[in-house]
């Protein structure tokens, strides 16, 4: 049996809300109608590759796509905002983040109910 990271609970609890939602679910990329492709031209000014950077509207993660103009092969790399990356040794899973999200939703619902009860 593996021993949990000593700070795992604190890491999950203190994790920024927008990061929790994206890490446990998926990023919210802008709609295709707003995408701006950049074309890299080769010899004879023919397209060699197409590049697209997508910025998540929730957390700010950047997905960098490159599509080969000849083969259609796609590569994707990411750039993450400060604080997004969780140390691998913390062993935080999507399930951990999903449970944290539910905990936060339940906490927010309790606050709303208390305000309603108080007439606010």
N, C-alpha and C. Protein backbone atom coordinates (compact mmCIF):
# COMPACT_ATOMS: atom_id res chain seq x y z
N UNK A 1 0.85 -1.18 0.00
CA UNK A 1 0.00 0.00 0.00
C UNK A 1 0.89 1.24 0.00
N UNK A 2 0.53 2.21 -0.86
CA UNK A 2 1.33 3.43 -0.92
C UNK A 2 0.84 4.43 0.11
N UNK A 3 1.78 5.21 0.61
CA UNK A 3 1.45 6.25 1.59
C UNK A 3 1.07 7.52 0.84
N UNK A 4 -0.06 8.14 1.17
CA UNK A 4 -0.45 9.37 0.49
C UNK A 4 0.55 10.49 0.77
N UNK A 5 0.68 11.39 -0.20
CA UNK A 5 1.54 12.56 -0.05
C UNK A 5 1.07 13.33 1.18
N UNK A 6 1.98 13.78 2.05
CA UNK A 6 1.56 14.45 3.28
C UNK A 6 0.76 15.73 3.04
N UNK A 7 0.94 16.37 1.91
CA UNK A 7 0.23 17.63 1.64
C UNK A 7 -0.89 17.49 0.62
N UNK A 8 -1.25 16.25 0.28
CA UNK A 8 -2.25 16.03 -0.76
C UNK A 8 -3.57 16.75 -0.45
N UNK A 9 -4.08 16.59 0.75
CA UNK A 9 -5.35 17.23 1.11
C UNK A 9 -5.25 18.75 1.01
N UNK A 10 -4.14 19.31 1.47
CA UNK A 10 -3.95 20.76 1.42
C UNK A 10 -3.83 21.24 -0.02
N UNK A 11 -3.11 20.48 -0.85
CA UNK A 11 -2.96 20.84 -2.26
C UNK A 11 -4.33 20.91 -2.94
N UNK A 12 -5.14 19.89 -2.71
CA UNK A 12 -6.47 19.84 -3.33
C UNK A 12 -7.36 20.95 -2.77
N UNK A 13 -7.34 21.14 -1.46
CA UNK A 13 -8.18 22.16 -0.82
C UNK A 13 -7.82 23.57 -1.28
N UNK A 14 -6.53 23.85 -1.46
CA UNK A 14 -6.08 25.20 -1.81
C UNK A 14 -6.01 25.45 -3.32
N UNK A 15 -6.31 24.45 -4.11
CA UNK A 15 -6.20 24.56 -5.56
C UNK A 15 -7.24 25.55 -6.08
N UNK A 16 -6.83 26.43 -6.98
CA UNK A 16 -7.69 27.47 -7.54
C UNK A 16 -8.94 26.84 -8.18
N UNK A 17 -10.10 27.43 -7.95
CA UNK A 17 -11.37 26.87 -8.42
C UNK A 17 -11.39 26.63 -9.93
N UNK A 18 -10.90 27.58 -10.71
CA UNK A 18 -10.92 27.40 -12.16
C UNK A 18 -10.07 26.21 -12.58
N UNK A 19 -8.98 25.96 -11.85
CA UNK A 19 -8.13 24.81 -12.15
C UNK A 19 -8.84 23.51 -11.80
N UNK A 20 -9.55 23.51 -10.67
CA UNK A 20 -10.30 22.31 -10.26
C UNK A 20 -11.29 21.92 -11.35
N UNK A 21 -12.05 22.89 -11.84
CA UNK A 21 -13.08 22.59 -12.83
C UNK A 21 -12.47 22.06 -14.13
N UNK A 22 -11.36 22.65 -14.57
CA UNK A 22 -10.74 22.18 -15.82
C UNK A 22 -10.05 20.83 -15.65
N UNK A 23 -9.37 20.64 -14.54
CA UNK A 23 -8.61 19.39 -14.35
C UNK A 23 -9.53 18.19 -14.15
N UNK A 24 -10.66 18.38 -13.52
CA UNK A 24 -11.53 17.24 -13.29
C UNK A 24 -12.47 17.00 -14.47
N UNK A 25 -12.65 17.98 -15.30
CA UNK A 25 -13.54 17.83 -16.45
C UNK A 25 -12.77 18.03 -17.73
N UNK A 26 -12.98 19.17 -18.33
CA UNK A 26 -12.20 19.50 -19.51
C UNK A 26 -12.16 21.02 -19.69
N UNK A 27 -11.21 21.45 -20.49
CA UNK A 27 -11.05 22.87 -20.73
C UNK A 27 -12.19 23.41 -21.60
N UNK A 28 -12.40 24.70 -21.49
CA UNK A 28 -13.42 25.38 -22.31
C UNK A 28 -12.69 26.21 -23.37
N UNK A 29 -12.54 25.63 -24.54
CA UNK A 29 -11.85 26.32 -25.62
C UNK A 29 -12.83 27.26 -26.33
N UNK A 30 -12.30 28.32 -26.94
CA UNK A 30 -13.19 29.24 -27.65
C UNK A 30 -13.85 28.54 -28.85
N UNK A 31 -14.98 29.07 -29.30
CA UNK A 31 -15.68 28.44 -30.43
C UNK A 31 -14.86 28.54 -31.71
N UNK A 32 -14.97 27.54 -32.59
CA UNK A 32 -14.19 27.52 -33.83
C UNK A 32 -14.33 28.78 -34.68
N UNK A 33 -15.46 29.45 -34.60
CA UNK A 33 -15.65 30.66 -35.42
C UNK A 33 -14.69 31.79 -35.04
N UNK A 34 -14.04 31.66 -33.87
CA UNK A 34 -13.11 32.71 -33.41
C UNK A 34 -11.65 32.31 -33.59
N UNK A 35 -11.38 31.13 -34.10
CA UNK A 35 -10.01 30.65 -34.22
C UNK A 35 -9.26 31.42 -35.30
N UNK A 36 -7.98 31.66 -35.05
CA UNK A 36 -7.11 32.35 -36.01
C UNK A 36 -5.91 31.46 -36.30
N UNK A 37 -5.94 30.82 -37.45
CA UNK A 37 -4.86 29.93 -37.86
C UNK A 37 -3.71 30.75 -38.42
N UNK A 38 -2.49 30.31 -38.14
CA UNK A 38 -1.29 30.89 -38.74
C UNK A 38 -0.71 29.85 -39.69
N UNK A 39 -0.32 30.27 -40.86
CA UNK A 39 0.20 29.35 -41.86
C UNK A 39 1.70 29.58 -42.01
N UNK A 40 2.46 28.48 -41.94
CA UNK A 40 3.89 28.53 -42.21
C UNK A 40 4.10 28.11 -43.66
N UNK A 41 4.72 29.00 -44.44
CA UNK A 41 4.95 28.72 -45.85
C UNK A 41 6.34 28.17 -46.06
N UNK A 42 6.45 27.24 -46.99
CA UNK A 42 7.73 26.64 -47.33
C UNK A 42 8.21 27.16 -48.67
N UNK A 43 8.98 26.34 -49.37
CA UNK A 43 9.46 26.70 -50.70
C UNK A 43 8.27 26.93 -51.63
N UNK A 44 8.45 27.82 -52.55
CA UNK A 44 7.39 28.17 -53.51
C UNK A 44 6.14 28.68 -52.82
N UNK A 45 6.32 29.15 -51.59
CA UNK A 45 5.24 29.76 -50.81
C UNK A 45 4.02 28.85 -50.63
N UNK A 46 4.28 27.55 -50.54
CA UNK A 46 3.21 26.59 -50.30
C UNK A 46 3.13 26.32 -48.80
N UNK A 47 1.91 26.12 -48.27
CA UNK A 47 1.78 25.84 -46.83
C UNK A 47 2.53 24.57 -46.42
N UNK A 48 3.25 24.68 -45.31
CA UNK A 48 3.96 23.54 -44.73
C UNK A 48 3.21 23.06 -43.50
N UNK A 49 2.75 24.01 -42.68
CA UNK A 49 1.99 23.65 -41.48
C UNK A 49 1.05 24.78 -41.10
N UNK A 50 0.05 24.38 -40.33
CA UNK A 50 -0.93 25.33 -39.81
C UNK A 50 -0.80 25.30 -38.29
N UNK A 51 -0.81 26.49 -37.68
CA UNK A 51 -0.66 26.60 -36.23
C UNK A 51 -1.86 27.31 -35.63
N UNK A 52 -2.24 26.83 -34.45
CA UNK A 52 -3.38 27.42 -33.75
C UNK A 52 -3.10 27.36 -32.25
N UNK A 53 -3.24 28.50 -31.59
CA UNK A 53 -3.15 28.54 -30.13
C UNK A 53 -4.55 28.78 -29.58
N UNK A 54 -5.00 27.87 -28.71
CA UNK A 54 -6.30 28.01 -28.06
C UNK A 54 -6.08 28.30 -26.58
N UNK A 55 -6.78 29.30 -26.06
CA UNK A 55 -6.65 29.65 -24.65
C UNK A 55 -7.95 29.27 -23.94
N UNK A 56 -7.83 28.44 -22.90
CA UNK A 56 -9.01 28.03 -22.12
C UNK A 56 -9.63 29.27 -21.49
N UNK A 57 -10.94 29.41 -21.69
CA UNK A 57 -11.65 30.57 -21.17
C UNK A 57 -11.86 30.50 -19.66
N UNK A 58 -11.64 29.33 -19.07
CA UNK A 58 -11.83 29.16 -17.64
C UNK A 58 -10.54 29.36 -16.86
N UNK A 59 -9.45 28.69 -17.29
CA UNK A 59 -8.24 28.70 -16.47
C UNK A 59 -7.01 29.35 -17.12
N UNK A 60 -7.07 29.61 -18.42
CA UNK A 60 -5.94 30.25 -19.08
C UNK A 60 -4.91 29.31 -19.67
N UNK A 61 -5.13 27.99 -19.59
CA UNK A 61 -4.21 27.04 -20.22
C UNK A 61 -4.20 27.30 -21.72
N UNK A 62 -3.02 27.17 -22.34
CA UNK A 62 -2.90 27.37 -23.78
C UNK A 62 -2.57 26.03 -24.44
N UNK A 63 -3.41 25.62 -25.40
CA UNK A 63 -3.15 24.44 -26.22
C UNK A 63 -2.57 24.94 -27.54
N UNK A 64 -1.41 24.39 -27.91
CA UNK A 64 -0.74 24.81 -29.14
C UNK A 64 -0.80 23.65 -30.14
N UNK A 65 -1.61 23.84 -31.18
CA UNK A 65 -1.77 22.81 -32.21
C UNK A 65 -0.91 23.14 -33.42
N UNK A 66 -0.32 22.11 -33.98
CA UNK A 66 0.42 22.24 -35.24
C UNK A 66 -0.06 21.09 -36.13
N UNK A 67 -0.55 21.43 -37.32
CA UNK A 67 -1.02 20.42 -38.26
C UNK A 67 -0.14 20.46 -39.51
N UNK A 68 0.40 19.32 -39.86
CA UNK A 68 1.23 19.20 -41.05
C UNK A 68 0.34 19.35 -42.29
N UNK A 69 0.69 20.28 -43.17
CA UNK A 69 -0.12 20.57 -44.35
C UNK A 69 -0.15 19.42 -45.34
N UNK A 70 0.83 18.52 -45.28
CA UNK A 70 0.90 17.42 -46.25
C UNK A 70 0.28 16.13 -45.73
N UNK A 71 0.51 15.82 -44.47
CA UNK A 71 0.04 14.55 -43.92
C UNK A 71 -1.22 14.68 -43.09
N UNK A 72 -1.51 15.91 -42.63
CA UNK A 72 -2.66 16.12 -41.74
C UNK A 72 -2.37 15.72 -40.31
N UNK A 73 -1.14 15.26 -40.02
CA UNK A 73 -0.78 14.86 -38.66
C UNK A 73 -0.83 16.08 -37.73
N UNK A 74 -1.40 15.86 -36.55
CA UNK A 74 -1.55 16.95 -35.59
C UNK A 74 -0.70 16.69 -34.36
N UNK A 75 -0.02 17.72 -33.90
CA UNK A 75 0.71 17.68 -32.62
C UNK A 75 0.10 18.74 -31.71
N UNK A 76 0.05 18.43 -30.43
CA UNK A 76 -0.47 19.41 -29.47
C UNK A 76 0.46 19.45 -28.28
N UNK A 77 0.76 20.67 -27.85
CA UNK A 77 1.51 20.88 -26.61
C UNK A 77 0.74 21.91 -25.80
N UNK A 78 1.09 22.02 -24.52
CA UNK A 78 0.36 22.91 -23.62
C UNK A 78 1.31 23.85 -22.88
N UNK A 79 0.78 25.01 -22.52
CA UNK A 79 1.41 25.93 -21.58
C UNK A 79 0.37 26.15 -20.48
N UNK A 80 0.80 26.02 -19.24
CA UNK A 80 -0.13 26.15 -18.13
C UNK A 80 0.12 27.43 -17.34
N UNK A 81 -0.95 28.02 -16.79
CA UNK A 81 -0.76 29.20 -15.95
C UNK A 81 -0.05 28.83 -14.64
N UNK A 82 0.52 29.83 -14.02
CA UNK A 82 1.21 29.64 -12.74
C UNK A 82 0.26 29.00 -11.74
N UNK A 83 0.73 27.94 -11.09
CA UNK A 83 -0.05 27.25 -10.07
C UNK A 83 -0.91 26.11 -10.59
N UNK A 84 -0.98 25.93 -11.91
CA UNK A 84 -1.83 24.88 -12.47
C UNK A 84 -1.25 23.49 -12.27
N UNK A 85 0.05 23.37 -12.46
CA UNK A 85 0.71 22.06 -12.37
C UNK A 85 0.72 21.57 -10.92
N UNK A 86 0.39 20.31 -10.73
CA UNK A 86 0.43 19.68 -9.41
C UNK A 86 1.60 18.70 -9.42
N UNK A 87 2.44 18.73 -8.39
CA UNK A 87 3.57 17.79 -8.38
C UNK A 87 3.08 16.35 -8.51
N UNK A 88 3.72 15.57 -9.37
CA UNK A 88 3.27 14.20 -9.60
C UNK A 88 3.32 13.36 -8.33
N UNK A 89 4.28 13.67 -7.45
CA UNK A 89 4.38 12.88 -6.22
C UNK A 89 3.19 13.11 -5.29
N UNK A 90 2.39 14.17 -5.54
CA UNK A 90 1.20 14.41 -4.72
C UNK A 90 0.10 13.40 -5.06
N UNK A 91 0.20 12.77 -6.24
CA UNK A 91 -0.73 11.72 -6.66
C UNK A 91 -2.19 12.17 -6.56
N UNK A 92 -2.47 13.38 -7.06
CA UNK A 92 -3.83 13.92 -7.07
C UNK A 92 -4.51 13.43 -8.35
N UNK A 93 -5.64 12.77 -8.19
CA UNK A 93 -6.36 12.21 -9.34
C UNK A 93 -7.53 13.12 -9.74
N UNK A 94 -8.10 12.82 -10.89
CA UNK A 94 -9.31 13.55 -11.30
C UNK A 94 -10.44 13.30 -10.30
N UNK A 95 -10.48 12.12 -9.74
CA UNK A 95 -11.50 11.82 -8.74
C UNK A 95 -11.32 12.71 -7.51
N UNK A 96 -10.08 12.90 -7.06
CA UNK A 96 -9.82 13.80 -5.93
C UNK A 96 -10.35 15.20 -6.24
N UNK A 97 -10.09 15.67 -7.45
CA UNK A 97 -10.53 17.02 -7.83
C UNK A 97 -12.04 17.08 -8.01
N UNK A 98 -12.62 16.02 -8.51
CA UNK A 98 -14.08 15.97 -8.66
C UNK A 98 -14.75 16.04 -7.29
N UNK A 99 -14.22 15.31 -6.32
CA UNK A 99 -14.77 15.36 -4.96
C UNK A 99 -14.60 16.74 -4.34
N UNK A 100 -13.46 17.38 -4.62
CA UNK A 100 -13.24 18.75 -4.12
C UNK A 100 -14.25 19.71 -4.75
N UNK A 101 -14.50 19.55 -6.04
CA UNK A 101 -15.48 20.40 -6.71
C UNK A 101 -16.87 20.23 -6.08
N UNK A 102 -17.25 18.99 -5.82
CA UNK A 102 -18.55 18.74 -5.20
C UNK A 102 -18.61 19.34 -3.80
N UNK A 103 -17.52 19.23 -3.06
CA UNK A 103 -17.45 19.82 -1.72
C UNK A 103 -17.65 21.34 -1.80
N UNK A 104 -17.02 21.97 -2.77
CA UNK A 104 -17.16 23.43 -2.92
C UNK A 104 -18.58 23.81 -3.35
N UNK A 105 -19.17 23.01 -4.23
CA UNK A 105 -20.54 23.29 -4.66
C UNK A 105 -21.49 23.16 -3.47
N UNK A 106 -21.32 22.10 -2.68
CA UNK A 106 -22.16 21.91 -1.50
C UNK A 106 -21.99 23.05 -0.52
N UNK A 107 -20.75 23.51 -0.33
CA UNK A 107 -20.49 24.64 0.57
C UNK A 107 -21.16 25.90 0.08
N UNK A 108 -21.12 26.15 -1.22
CA UNK A 108 -21.75 27.34 -1.78
C UNK A 108 -23.27 27.25 -1.63
N UNK A 109 -23.82 26.05 -1.81
CA UNK A 109 -25.26 25.86 -1.67
C UNK A 109 -25.70 26.13 -0.23
N UNK A 110 -24.88 25.72 0.73
CA UNK A 110 -25.20 25.97 2.14
C UNK A 110 -25.23 27.47 2.44
N UNK A 111 -24.28 28.20 1.90
CA UNK A 111 -24.22 29.65 2.10
C UNK A 111 -25.48 30.31 1.53
N UNK A 112 -25.90 29.88 0.34
CA UNK A 112 -27.10 30.44 -0.29
C UNK A 112 -28.32 30.15 0.57
N UNK A 113 -28.42 28.91 1.04
CA UNK A 113 -29.57 28.56 1.87
C UNK A 113 -29.60 29.35 3.18
N UNK A 114 -28.44 29.56 3.78
CA UNK A 114 -28.40 30.36 5.02
C UNK A 114 -28.81 31.80 4.76
N UNK A 115 -28.39 32.35 3.63
CA UNK A 115 -28.76 33.73 3.29
C UNK A 115 -30.27 33.83 3.04
N UNK A 116 -30.83 32.82 2.38
CA UNK A 116 -32.28 32.80 2.14
C UNK A 116 -33.03 32.75 3.47
N UNK A 117 -32.55 31.88 4.35
CA UNK A 117 -33.20 31.72 5.65
C UNK A 117 -33.13 33.00 6.47
N UNK A 118 -32.03 33.75 6.29
CA UNK A 118 -31.84 35.01 7.03
C UNK A 118 -32.54 36.18 6.34
N UNK A 119 -33.15 35.91 5.17
CA UNK A 119 -33.88 36.96 4.46
C UNK A 119 -32.98 37.90 3.67
N UNK A 120 -31.80 37.44 3.36
CA UNK A 120 -30.86 38.30 2.59
C UNK A 120 -30.96 38.03 1.11
